[in-house]
Structures are given as structure tokens and as C-alpha cells.
Amino acid sequence: MDYGRYRYEQTKKKQEAKKKQSVFQVKEIKVRPKTGEHDLQVKINHIRKFIERKDKVKVTVIFRGREISLSQLGRDVLQKIAEETEEIALIEQHPRFDGRTLVMVLAPK
């Protein structure tokens, strides 16, 4: 067996496998619990664009100072985002607290 030919075939197989794999990024969208309605719609449109490009989206609600007492408001914001994007995205990681931030991850269907 020709060793050079064998190595050539192995590299060709690796290149072919690399072509077929899909590459995605994790994009992050940051909102606040008192973000306005129009601003929230703009953020949702950005999320739609990211999901259509097959990227995952990490939605973060940031609480500053005494806003941490508005944690239910933050959960409502994330729930609204999930409802608006449910036809194109699924929730990969449900909302959870990470320090003073509330985090949810959306993935394309």
C-alpha cells in the first residue's frame, strides 16, 4: 500500500467532513426590566435575524441597584420574548438567575 496515497485520502476525508459541519455563534441581547415597548420590539427583531442565520441567542435581563426587587418584571420580559419568537426558536435554557442577571438561551428550530 502506498502510504502517501493513504495520507492524501485521509486529509480529503477530513476536509469533506469539515464542509458539512455547521458553525453557529452565541449572540447576546441585553435588556433591562423597564425597557420600553418599542425598544423591546427592536430587540426582538434583532433576535429574529440572529435565529434566521442559525445562531443561538442569549437573552440577558440586567438588574441594577434596587431593580433586583423587580425580578418578576424581568421574568415577564423574557416570557414575552419567548412568546414572540416561539414559531422560529425554542428555549434551550429556561430563565435562571446568575448573580444580578436573569439569563435565557434561545436556539433555532
PDB file of N, CA and C in Angstrom:
ATOM      1  N   MET A   1       0.842  -1.197   0.000  1.00  0.00           N
ATOM      2  CA  MET A   1       0.000   0.000   0.000  1.00  0.00           C
ATOM      3  C   MET A   1       0.884   1.255   0.000  1.00  0.00           C
ATOM      4  N   ASP A   2       0.505   2.245  -0.767  1.00  0.00           N
ATOM      5  CA  ASP A   2       1.257   3.496  -0.858  1.00  0.00           C
ATOM      6  C   ASP A   2       0.842   4.397   0.304  1.00  0.00           C
ATOM      7  N   TYR A   3       1.787   4.676   1.181  1.00  0.00           N
ATOM      8  CA  TYR A   3       1.487   5.454   2.387  1.00  0.00           C
ATOM      9  C   TYR A   3       1.100   6.898   2.035  1.00  0.00           C
ATOM     10  N   GLY A   4       1.764   7.471   1.036  1.00  0.00           N
ATOM     11  CA  GLY A   4       1.446   8.837   0.621  1.00  0.00           C
ATOM     12  C   GLY A   4       0.009   8.954   0.127  1.00  0.00           C
ATOM     13  N   ARG A   5      -0.437   7.947  -0.622  1.00  0.00           N
ATOM     14  CA  ARG A   5      -1.816   7.942  -1.122  1.00  0.00           C
ATOM     15  C   ARG A   5      -2.806   7.832   0.044  1.00  0.00           C
ATOM     16  N   TYR A   6      -2.456   6.995   1.027  1.00  0.00           N
ATOM     17  CA  TYR A   6      -3.303   6.805   2.206  1.00  0.00           C
ATOM     18  C   TYR A   6      -3.473   8.125   2.953  1.00  0.00           C
ATOM     19  N   ARG A   7      -2.355   8.856   3.165  1.00  0.00           N
ATOM     20  CA  ARG A   7      -2.422  10.132   3.886  1.00  0.00           C
ATOM     21  C   ARG A   7      -3.250  11.155   3.106  1.00  0.00           C
ATOM     22  N   TYR A   8      -3.110  11.169   1.803  1.00  0.00           N
ATOM     23  CA  TYR A   8      -3.869  12.074   0.950  1.00  0.00           C
ATOM     24  C   TYR A   8      -5.359  11.811   1.089  1.00  0.00           C
ATOM     25  N   GLU A   9      -5.767  10.546   1.073  1.00  0.00           N
ATOM     26  CA  GLU A   9      -7.174  10.198   1.218  1.00  0.00           C
ATOM     27  C   GLU A   9      -7.709  10.588   2.596  1.00  0.00           C
ATOM     28  N   GLN A  10      -6.885  10.436   3.630  1.00  0.00           N
ATOM     29  CA  GLN A  10      -7.308  10.817   4.976  1.00  0.00           C
ATOM     30  C   GLN A  10      -7.561  12.331   5.067  1.00  0.00           C
ATOM     31  N   THR A  11      -6.673  13.133   4.498  1.00  0.00           N
ATOM     32  CA  THR A  11      -6.882  14.582   4.545  1.00  0.00           C
ATOM     33  C   THR A  11      -8.109  14.986   3.736  1.00  0.00           C
ATOM     34  N   LYS A  12      -8.351  14.300   2.614  1.00  0.00           N
ATOM     35  CA  LYS A  12      -9.547  14.592   1.830  1.00  0.00           C
ATOM     36  C   LYS A  12     -10.813  14.290   2.621  1.00  0.00           C
ATOM     37  N   LYS A  13     -10.804  13.195   3.376  1.00  0.00           N
ATOM     38  CA  LYS A  13     -11.976  12.842   4.193  1.00  0.00           C
ATOM     39  C   LYS A  13     -12.211  13.891   5.273  1.00  0.00           C
ATOM     40  N   LYS A  14     -11.132  14.382   5.893  1.00  0.00           N
ATOM     41  CA  LYS A  14     -11.265  15.409   6.929  1.00  0.00           C
ATOM     42  C   LYS A  14     -11.832  16.705   6.346  1.00  0.00           C
ATOM     43  N   GLN A  15     -11.349  17.089   5.168  1.00  0.00           N
ATOM     44  CA  GLN A  15     -11.843  18.302   4.526  1.00  0.00           C
ATOM     45  C   GLN A  15     -13.323  18.184   4.184  1.00  0.00           C
ATOM     46  N   GLU A  16     -13.730  17.007   3.698  1.00  0.00           N
ATOM     47  CA  GLU A  16     -15.128  16.785   3.341  1.00  0.00           C
ATOM     48  C   GLU A  16     -16.023  16.852   4.572  1.00  0.00           C
ATOM     49  N   ALA A  17     -15.555  16.285   5.690  1.00  0.00           N
ATOM     50  CA  ALA A  17     -16.328  16.332   6.936  1.00  0.00           C
ATOM     51  C   ALA A  17     -16.449  17.767   7.434  1.00  0.00           C
ATOM     52  N   LYS A  18     -15.392  18.560   7.263  1.00  0.00           N
ATOM     53  CA  LYS A  18     -15.402  19.941   7.709  1.00  0.00           C
ATOM     54  C   LYS A  18     -16.405  20.776   6.923  1.00  0.00           C
ATOM     55  N   LYS A  19     -16.565  20.486   5.640  1.00  0.00           N
ATOM     56  CA  LYS A  19     -17.519  21.221   4.812  1.00  0.00           C
ATOM     57  C   LYS A  19     -18.942  21.046   5.297  1.00  0.00           C
ATOM     58  N   LYS A  20     -19.269  19.852   5.753  1.00  0.00           N
ATOM     59  CA  LYS A  20     -20.653  19.534   6.110  1.00  0.00           C
ATOM     60  C   LYS A  20     -21.043  19.969   7.508  1.00  0.00           C
ATOM     61  N   GLN A  21     -20.067  20.304   8.344  1.00  0.00           N
ATOM     62  CA  GLN A  21     -20.438  20.685   9.703  1.00  0.00           C
ATOM     63  C   GLN A  21     -20.966  22.116   9.732  1.00  0.00           C
ATOM     64  N   SER A  22     -21.910  22.357  10.616  1.00  0.00           N
ATOM     65  CA  SER A  22     -22.493  23.691  10.706  1.00  0.00           C
ATOM     66  C   SER A  22     -21.851  24.450  11.859  1.00  0.00           C
ATOM     67  N   VAL A  23     -21.563  25.708  11.631  1.00  0.00           N
ATOM     68  CA  VAL A  23     -20.925  26.546  12.632  1.00  0.00           C
ATOM     69  C   VAL A  23     -21.943  27.589  13.087  1.00  0.00           C
ATOM     70  N   PHE A  24     -22.094  27.749  14.387  1.00  0.00           N
ATOM     71  CA  PHE A  24     -23.014  28.745  14.911  1.00  0.00           C
ATOM     72  C   PHE A  24     -22.314  29.548  15.985  1.00  0.00           C
ATOM     73  N   GLN A  25     -22.820  30.730  16.224  1.00  0.00           N
ATOM     74  CA  GLN A  25     -22.304  31.591  17.272  1.00  0.00           C
ATOM     75  C   GLN A  25     -23.398  31.810  18.305  1.00  0.00           C
ATOM     76  N   VAL A  26     -22.988  32.264  19.478  1.00  0.00           N
ATOM     77  CA  VAL A  26     -23.950  32.644  20.501  1.00  0.00           C
ATOM     78  C   VAL A  26     -23.948  34.164  20.566  1.00  0.00           C
ATOM     79  N   LYS A  27     -25.063  34.760  20.144  1.00  0.00           N
ATOM     80  CA  LYS A  27     -25.222  36.212  20.181  1.00  0.00           C
ATOM     81  C   LYS A  27     -25.911  36.577  21.490  1.00  0.00           C
ATOM     82  N   GLU A  28     -25.605  37.750  22.011  1.00  0.00           N
ATOM     83  CA  GLU A  28     -26.209  38.165  23.275  1.00  0.00           C
ATOM     84  C   GLU A  28     -27.016  39.442  23.092  1.00  0.00           C
ATOM     85  N   ILE A  29     -28.220  39.436  23.653  1.00  0.00           N
ATOM     86  CA  ILE A  29     -29.090  40.613  23.661  1.00  0.00           C
ATOM     87  C   ILE A  29     -29.308  40.977  25.128  1.00  0.00           C
ATOM     88  N   LYS A  30     -29.046  42.234  25.460  1.00  0.00           N
ATOM     89  CA  LYS A  30     -29.211  42.691  26.842  1.00  0.00           C
ATOM     90  C   LYS A  30     -30.406  43.630  26.930  1.00  0.00           C
ATOM     91  N   VAL A  31     -31.252  43.397  27.923  1.00  0.00           N
ATOM     92  CA  VAL A  31     -32.398  44.270  28.175  1.00  0.00           C
ATOM     93  C   VAL A  31     -32.454  44.571  29.663  1.00  0.00           C
ATOM     94  N   ARG A  32     -33.269  45.529  30.012  1.00  0.00           N
ATOM     95  CA  ARG A  32     -33.486  45.884  31.413  1.00  0.00           C
ATOM     96  C   ARG A  32     -34.944  45.588  31.740  1.00  0.00           C
ATOM     97  N   PRO A  33     -35.304  45.450  33.018  1.00  0.00           N
ATOM     98  CA  PRO A  33     -36.697  45.124  33.345  1.00  0.00           C
ATOM     99  C   PRO A  33     -37.694  46.204  32.931  1.00  0.00           C
ATOM    100  N   LYS A  34     -37.268  47.451  32.851  1.00  0.00           N
ATOM    101  CA  LYS A  34     -38.186  48.535  32.488  1.00  0.00           C
ATOM    102  C   LYS A  34     -37.965  49.014  31.053  1.00  0.00           C
ATOM    103  N   THR A  35     -37.456  48.151  30.185  1.00  0.00           N
ATOM    104  CA  THR A  35     -37.249  48.516  28.782  1.00  0.00           C
ATOM    105  C   THR A  35     -38.592  48.824  28.138  1.00  0.00           C
ATOM    106  N   GLY A  36     -38.640  49.895  27.359  1.00  0.00           N
ATOM    107  CA  GLY A  36     -39.877  50.327  26.722  1.00  0.00           C
ATOM    108  C   GLY A  36     -40.366  49.345  25.674  1.00  0.00           C
ATOM    109  N   GLU A  37     -41.629  49.466  25.320  1.00  0.00           N
ATOM    110  CA  GLU A  37     -42.271  48.537  24.392  1.00  0.00           C
ATOM    111  C   GLU A  37     -41.614  48.574  23.012  1.00  0.00           C
ATOM    112  N   HIS A  38     -41.391  49.768  22.468  1.00  0.00           N
ATOM    113  CA  HIS A  38     -40.797  49.869  21.138  1.00  0.00           C
ATOM    114  C   HIS A  38     -39.364  49.341  21.135  1.00  0.00           C
ATOM    115  N   ASP A  39     -38.604  49.687  22.167  1.00  0.00           N
ATOM    116  CA  ASP A  39     -37.226  49.203  22.245  1.00  0.00           C
ATOM    117  C   ASP A  39     -37.194  47.677  22.329  1.00  0.00           C
ATOM    118  N   LEU A  40     -38.147  47.113  23.040  1.00  0.00           N
ATOM    119  CA  LEU A  40     -38.224  45.653  23.158  1.00  0.00           C
ATOM    120  C   LEU A  40     -38.544  45.023  21.805  1.00  0.00           C
ATOM    121  N   GLN A  41     -39.411  45.659  21.017  1.00  0.00           N
ATOM    122  CA  GLN A  41     -39.726  45.141  19.686  1.00  0.00           C
ATOM    123  C   GLN A  41     -38.501  45.184  18.769  1.00  0.00           C
ATOM    124  N   VAL A  42     -37.683  46.223  18.895  1.00  0.00           N
ATOM    125  CA  VAL A  42     -36.449  46.309  18.108  1.00  0.00           C
ATOM    126  C   VAL A  42     -35.514  45.169  18.487  1.00  0.00           C
ATOM    127  N   LYS A  43     -35.389  44.902  19.785  1.00  0.00           N
ATOM    128  CA  LYS A  43     -34.535  43.798  20.247  1.00  0.00           C
ATOM    129  C   LYS A  43     -35.066  42.456  19.739  1.00  0.00           C
ATOM    130  N   ILE A  44     -36.374  42.287  19.731  1.00  0.00           N
ATOM    131  CA  ILE A  44     -36.971  41.034  19.250  1.00  0.00           C
ATOM    132  C   ILE A  44     -36.678  40.862  17.757  1.00  0.00           C
ATOM    133  N   ASN A  45     -36.702  41.960  16.999  1.00  0.00           N
ATOM    134  CA  ASN A  45     -36.361  41.873  15.578  1.00  0.00           C
ATOM    135  C   ASN A  45     -34.907  41.454  15.386  1.00  0.00           C
ATOM    136  N   HIS A  46     -34.012  41.947  16.255  1.00  0.00           N
ATOM    137  CA  HIS A  46     -32.615  41.517  16.189  1.00  0.00           C
ATOM    138  C   HIS A  46     -32.513  40.020  16.490  1.00  0.00           C
ATOM    139  N   ILE A  47     -33.268  39.556  17.466  1.00  0.00           N
ATOM    140  CA  ILE A  47     -33.260  38.133  17.819  1.00  0.00           C
ATOM    141  C   ILE A  47     -33.726  37.307  16.626  1.00  0.00           C
ATOM    142  N   ARG A  48     -34.778  37.768  15.942  1.00  0.00           N
ATOM    143  CA  ARG A  48     -35.273  37.051  14.760  1.00  0.00           C
ATOM    144  C   ARG A  48     -34.185  36.936  13.690  1.00  0.00           C
ATOM    145  N   LYS A  49     -33.454  38.026  13.442  1.00  0.00           N
ATOM    146  CA  LYS A  49     -32.382  37.987  12.446  1.00  0.00           C
ATOM    147  C   LYS A  49     -31.305  36.980  12.829  1.00  0.00           C
ATOM    148  N   PHE A  50     -30.937  36.969  14.109  1.00  0.00           N
ATOM    149  CA  PHE A  50     -29.903  36.035  14.559  1.00  0.00           C
ATOM    150  C   PHE A  50     -30.362  34.593  14.422  1.00  0.00           C
ATOM    151  N   ILE A  51     -31.617  34.329  14.788  1.00  0.00           N
ATOM    152  CA  ILE A  51     -32.144  32.965  14.714  1.00  0.00           C
ATOM    153  C   ILE A  51     -32.222  32.512  13.258  1.00  0.00           C
ATOM    154  N   GLU A  52     -32.617  33.416  12.352  1.00  0.00           N
ATOM    155  CA  GLU A  52     -32.688  33.053  10.935  1.00  0.00           C
ATOM    156  C   GLU A  52     -31.318  32.732  10.356  1.00  0.00           C
ATOM    157  N   ARG A  53     -30.258  33.305  10.934  1.00  0.00           N
ATOM    158  CA  ARG A  53     -28.903  32.983  10.493  1.00  0.00           C
ATOM    159  C   ARG A  53     -28.351  31.757  11.221  1.00  0.00           C
ATOM    160  N   LYS A  54     -29.220  31.036  11.932  1.00  0.00           N
ATOM    161  CA  LYS A  54     -28.870  29.803  12.641  1.00  0.00           C
ATOM    162  C   LYS A  54     -27.908  30.019  13.802  1.00  0.00           C
ATOM    163  N   ASP A  55     -27.973  31.205  14.423  1.00  0.00           N
ATOM    164  CA  ASP A  55     -27.173  31.476  15.610  1.00  0.00           C
ATOM    165  C   ASP A  55     -28.030  31.311  16.849  1.00  0.00           C
ATOM    166  N   LYS A  56     -27.409  30.916  17.948  1.00  0.00           N
ATOM    167  CA  LYS A  56     -28.119  30.871  19.224  1.00  0.00           C
ATOM    168  C   LYS A  56     -28.121  32.272  19.812  1.00  0.00           C
ATOM    169  N   VAL A  57     -29.125  32.568  20.633  1.00  0.00           N
ATOM    170  CA  VAL A  57     -29.241  33.899  21.224  1.00  0.00           C
ATOM    171  C   VAL A  57     -29.362  33.767  22.737  1.00  0.00           C
ATOM    172  N   LYS A  58     -28.496  34.478  23.441  1.00  0.00           N
ATOM    173  CA  LYS A  58     -28.536  34.524  24.899  1.00  0.00           C
ATOM    174  C   LYS A  58     -29.189  35.853  25.276  1.00  0.00           C
ATOM    175  N   VAL A  59     -30.357  35.783  25.872  1.00  0.00           N
ATOM    176  CA  VAL A  59     -31.091  36.988  26.265  1.00  0.00           C
ATOM    177  C   VAL A  59     -30.825  37.232  27.750  1.00  0.00           C
ATOM    178  N   THR A  60     -30.324  38.411  28.067  1.00  0.00           N
ATOM    179  CA  THR A  60     -29.930  38.741  29.428  1.00  0.00           C
ATOM    180  C   THR A  60     -30.727  39.937  29.926  1.00  0.00           C
ATOM    181  N   VAL A  61     -31.337  39.782  31.090  1.00  0.00           N
ATOM    182  CA  VAL A  61     -32.010  40.902  31.752  1.00  0.00           C
ATOM    183  C   VAL A  61     -31.111  41.327  32.900  1.00  0.00           C
ATOM    184  N   ILE A  62     -30.652  42.576  32.860  1.00  0.00           N
ATOM    185  CA  ILE A  62     -29.707  43.075  33.852  1.00  0.00           C
ATOM    186  C   ILE A  62     -30.457  43.919  34.880  1.00  0.00           C
ATOM    187  N   PHE A  63     -30.211  43.619  36.149  1.00  0.00           N
ATOM    188  CA  PHE A  63     -30.820  44.370  37.247  1.00  0.00           C
ATOM    189  C   PHE A  63     -29.737  45.201  37.907  1.00  0.00           C
ATOM    190  N   ARG A  64     -30.018  46.498  38.078  1.00  0.00           N
ATOM    191  CA  ARG A  64     -29.072  47.383  38.749  1.00  0.00           C
ATOM    192  C   ARG A  64     -29.694  47.912  40.038  1.00  0.00           C
ATOM    193  N   GLY A  65     -28.906  47.943  41.075  1.00  0.00           N
ATOM    194  CA  GLY A  65     -29.339  48.522  42.343  1.00  0.00           C
ATOM    195  C   GLY A  65     -30.596  47.876  42.895  1.00  0.00           C
ATOM    196  N   ARG A  66     -31.603  48.701  43.141  1.00  0.00           N
ATOM    197  CA  ARG A  66     -32.837  48.201  43.752  1.00  0.00           C
ATOM    198  C   ARG A  66     -33.753  47.503  42.765  1.00  0.00           C
ATOM    199  N   GLU A  67     -33.374  47.481  41.491  1.00  0.00           N
ATOM    200  CA  GLU A  67     -34.203  46.806  40.486  1.00  0.00           C
ATOM    201  C   GLU A  67     -34.304  45.311  40.739  1.00  0.00           C
ATOM    202  N   ILE A  68     -33.425  44.756  41.566  1.00  0.00           N
ATOM    203  CA  ILE A  68     -33.446  43.313  41.820  1.00  0.00           C
ATOM    204  C   ILE A  68     -34.778  42.904  42.437  1.00  0.00           C
ATOM    205  N   SER A  69     -35.480  43.873  43.054  1.00  0.00           N
ATOM    206  CA  SER A  69     -36.801  43.561  43.605  1.00  0.00           C
ATOM    207  C   SER A  69     -37.852  43.416  42.497  1.00  0.00           C
ATOM    208  N   LEU A  70     -37.504  43.788  41.262  1.00  0.00           N
ATOM    209  CA  LEU A  70     -38.415  43.673  40.130  1.00  0.00           C
ATOM    210  C   LEU A  70     -38.153  42.383  39.335  1.00  0.00           C
ATOM    211  N   SER A  71     -37.762  41.329  40.032  1.00  0.00           N
ATOM    212  CA  SER A  71     -37.395  40.101  39.324  1.00  0.00           C
ATOM    213  C   SER A  71     -38.578  39.530  38.539  1.00  0.00           C
ATOM    214  N   GLN A  72     -39.792  39.714  39.025  1.00  0.00           N
ATOM    215  CA  GLN A  72     -40.963  39.215  38.295  1.00  0.00           C
ATOM    216  C   GLN A  72     -41.136  39.986  36.979  1.00  0.00           C
ATOM    217  N   LEU A  73     -40.826  41.265  36.990  1.00  0.00           N
ATOM    218  CA  LEU A  73     -40.896  42.066  35.776  1.00  0.00           C
ATOM    219  C   LEU A  73     -39.887  41.552  34.741  1.00  0.00           C
ATOM    220  N   GLY A  74     -38.716  41.160  35.200  1.00  0.00           N
ATOM    221  CA  GLY A  74     -37.701  40.595  34.306  1.00  0.00           C
ATOM    222  C   GLY A  74     -38.151  39.279  33.704  1.00  0.00           C
ATOM    223  N   ARG A  75     -38.775  38.444  34.522  1.00  0.00           N
ATOM    224  CA  ARG A  75     -39.298  37.163  34.020  1.00  0.00           C
ATOM    225  C   ARG A  75     -40.404  37.406  32.984  1.00  0.00           C
ATOM    226  N   ASP A  76     -41.229  38.431  33.220  1.00  0.00           N
ATOM    227  CA  ASP A  76     -42.288  38.761  32.257  1.00  0.00           C
ATOM    228  C   ASP A  76     -41.691  39.202  30.917  1.00  0.00           C
ATOM    229  N   VAL A  77     -40.600  39.963  30.965  1.00  0.00           N
ATOM    230  CA  VAL A  77     -39.940  40.405  29.732  1.00  0.00           C
ATOM    231  C   VAL A  77     -39.435  39.194  28.960  1.00  0.00           C
ATOM    232  N   LEU A  78     -38.789  38.257  29.653  1.00  0.00           N
ATOM    233  CA  LEU A  78     -38.280  37.061  28.979  1.00  0.00           C
ATOM    234  C   LEU A  78     -39.413  36.197  28.442  1.00  0.00           C
ATOM    235  N   GLN A  79     -40.520  36.125  29.180  1.00  0.00           N
ATOM    236  CA  GLN A  79     -41.679  35.358  28.722  1.00  0.00           C
ATOM    237  C   GLN A  79     -42.249  35.968  27.438  1.00  0.00           C
ATOM    238  N   LYS A  80     -42.303  37.307  27.401  1.00  0.00           N
ATOM    239  CA  LYS A  80     -42.815  37.983  26.204  1.00  0.00           C
ATOM    240  C   LYS A  80     -41.907  37.716  25.007  1.00  0.00           C
ATOM    241  N   ILE A  81     -40.594  37.756  25.214  1.00  0.00           N
ATOM    242  CA  ILE A  81     -39.650  37.474  24.128  1.00  0.00           C
ATOM    243  C   ILE A  81     -39.820  36.045  23.641  1.00  0.00           C
ATOM    244  N   ALA A  82     -40.000  35.109  24.564  1.00  0.00           N
ATOM    245  CA  ALA A  82     -40.176  33.703  24.190  1.00  0.00           C
ATOM    246  C   ALA A  82     -41.458  33.520  23.380  1.00  0.00           C
ATOM    247  N   GLU A  83     -42.534  34.193  23.773  1.00  0.00           N
ATOM    248  CA  GLU A  83     -43.802  34.084  23.043  1.00  0.00           C
ATOM    249  C   GLU A  83     -43.700  34.686  21.639  1.00  0.00           C
ATOM    250  N   GLU A  84     -42.988  35.815  21.521  1.00  0.00           N
ATOM    251  CA  GLU A  84     -42.863  36.487  20.221  1.00  0.00           C
ATOM    252  C   GLU A  84     -42.038  35.664  19.229  1.00  0.00           C
ATOM    253  N   THR A  85     -41.092  34.869  19.740  1.00  0.00           N
ATOM    254  CA  THR A  85     -40.193  34.129  18.848  1.00  0.00           C
ATOM    255  C   THR A  85     -40.446  32.627  18.856  1.00  0.00           C
ATOM    256  N   GLU A  86     -41.587  32.192  19.390  1.00  0.00           N
ATOM    257  CA  GLU A  86     -41.809  30.752  19.546  1.00  0.00           C
ATOM    258  C   GLU A  86     -41.953  30.005  18.222  1.00  0.00           C
ATOM    259  N   GLU A  87     -42.360  30.692  17.128  1.00  0.00           N
ATOM    260  CA  GLU A  87     -42.527  29.989  15.854  1.00  0.00           C
ATOM    261  C   GLU A  87     -41.194  29.700  15.167  1.00  0.00           C
ATOM    262  N   ILE A  88     -40.127  30.437  15.512  1.00  0.00           N
ATOM    263  CA  ILE A  88     -38.835  30.196  14.867  1.00  0.00           C
ATOM    264  C   ILE A  88     -37.759  29.700  15.832  1.00  0.00           C
ATOM    265  N   ALA A  89     -37.997  29.831  17.131  1.00  0.00           N
ATOM    266  CA  ALA A  89     -36.967  29.455  18.107  1.00  0.00           C
ATOM    267  C   ALA A  89     -37.572  28.623  19.232  1.00  0.00           C
ATOM    268  N   LEU A  90     -36.706  27.817  19.836  1.00  0.00           N
ATOM    269  CA  LEU A  90     -37.127  27.085  21.025  1.00  0.00           C
ATOM    270  C   LEU A  90     -36.203  27.441  22.179  1.00  0.00           C
ATOM    271  N   ILE A  91     -36.722  27.308  23.378  1.00  0.00           N
ATOM    272  CA  ILE A  91     -35.957  27.689  24.562  1.00  0.00           C
ATOM    273  C   ILE A  91     -35.003  26.549  24.892  1.00  0.00           C
ATOM    274  N   GLU A  92     -33.717  26.827  24.766  1.00  0.00           N
ATOM    275  CA  GLU A  92     -32.715  25.815  25.082  1.00  0.00           C
ATOM    276  C   GLU A  92     -32.418  25.806  26.578  1.00  0.00           C
ATOM    277  N   GLN A  93     -32.395  26.986  27.171  1.00  0.00           N
ATOM    278  CA  GLN A  93     -32.161  27.101  28.610  1.00  0.00           C
ATOM    279  C   GLN A  93     -33.208  28.051  29.173  1.00  0.00           C
ATOM    280  N   HIS A  94     -34.012  27.552  30.074  1.00  0.00           N
ATOM    281  CA  HIS A  94     -35.073  28.360  30.660  1.00  0.00           C
ATOM    282  C   HIS A  94     -34.479  29.471  31.525  1.00  0.00           C
ATOM    283  N   PRO A  95     -35.249  30.531  31.783  1.00  0.00           N
ATOM    284  CA  PRO A  95     -34.726  31.665  32.562  1.00  0.00           C
ATOM    285  C   PRO A  95     -34.230  31.236  33.942  1.00  0.00           C
ATOM    286  N   ARG A  96     -33.022  31.693  34.263  1.00  0.00           N
ATOM    287  CA  ARG A  96     -32.457  31.420  35.583  1.00  0.00           C
ATOM    288  C   ARG A  96     -31.573  32.591  35.992  1.00  0.00           C
ATOM    289  N   PHE A  97     -31.449  32.782  37.300  1.00  0.00           N
ATOM    290  CA  PHE A  97     -30.634  33.872  37.816  1.00  0.00           C
ATOM    291  C   PHE A  97     -29.172  33.473  37.843  1.00  0.00           C
ATOM    292  N   ASP A  98     -28.330  34.423  37.440  1.00  0.00           N
ATOM    293  CA  ASP A  98     -26.886  34.256  37.508  1.00  0.00           C
ATOM    294  C   ASP A  98     -26.347  35.544  38.136  1.00  0.00           C
ATOM    295  N   GLY A  99     -26.356  35.593  39.451  1.00  0.00           N
ATOM    296  CA  GLY A  99     -25.992  36.825  40.147  1.00  0.00           C
ATOM    297  C   GLY A  99     -27.116  37.835  40.040  1.00  0.00           C
ATOM    298  N   ARG A 100     -26.839  38.999  39.482  1.00  0.00           N
ATOM    299  CA  ARG A 100     -27.859  40.040  39.311  1.00  0.00           C
ATOM    300  C   ARG A 100     -28.418  40.053  37.908  1.00  0.00           C
ATOM    301  N   THR A 101     -28.219  38.980  37.172  1.00  0.00           N
ATOM    302  CA  THR A 101     -28.738  38.895  35.808  1.00  0.00           C
ATOM    303  C   THR A 101     -29.649  37.675  35.670  1.00  0.00           C
ATOM    304  N   LEU A 102     -30.635  37.816  34.826  1.00  0.00           N
ATOM    305  CA  LEU A 102     -31.557  36.740  34.504  1.00  0.00           C
ATOM    306  C   LEU A 102     -31.251  36.326  33.062  1.00  0.00           C
ATOM    307  N   VAL A 103     -30.952  35.030  32.844  1.00  0.00           N
ATOM    308  CA  VAL A 103     -30.429  34.572  31.562  1.00  0.00           C
ATOM    309  C   VAL A 103     -31.347  33.508  30.970  1.00  0.00           C
ATOM    310  N   MET A 104     -31.578  33.617  29.646  1.00  0.00           N
ATOM    311  CA  MET A 104     -32.338  32.615  28.890  1.00  0.00           C
ATOM    312  C   MET A 104     -31.616  32.426  27.538  1.00  0.00           C
ATOM    313  N   VAL A 105     -31.552  31.173  27.060  1.00  0.00           N
ATOM    314  CA  VAL A 105     -30.889  30.897  25.779  1.00  0.00           C
ATOM    315  C   VAL A 105     -31.936  30.368  24.796  1.00  0.00           C
ATOM    316  N   LEU A 106     -31.981  30.959  23.605  1.00  0.00           N
ATOM    317  CA  LEU A 106     -32.868  30.538  22.532  1.00  0.00           C
ATOM    318  C   LEU A 106     -32.035  29.905  21.417  1.00  0.00           C
ATOM    319  N   ALA A 107     -32.570  28.827  20.822  1.00  0.00           N
ATOM    320  CA  ALA A 107     -31.894  28.157  19.718  1.00  0.00           C
ATOM    321  C   ALA A 107     -32.851  28.035  18.540  1.00  0.00           C
ATOM    322  N   PRO A 108     -32.325  28.004  17.318  1.00  0.00           N
ATOM    323  CA  PRO A 108     -33.211  27.851  16.158  1.00  0.00           C
ATOM    324  C   PRO A 108     -33.879  26.482  16.144  1.00  0.00           C
ATOM    325  N   LYS A 109     -35.088  26.427  15.580  1.00  0.00           N
ATOM    326  CA  LYS A 109     -35.791  25.144  15.477  1.00  0.00           C
ATOM    327  C   LYS A 109     -35.170  24.290  14.415  1.00  0.00           C
TER     328      LYS A 109
END
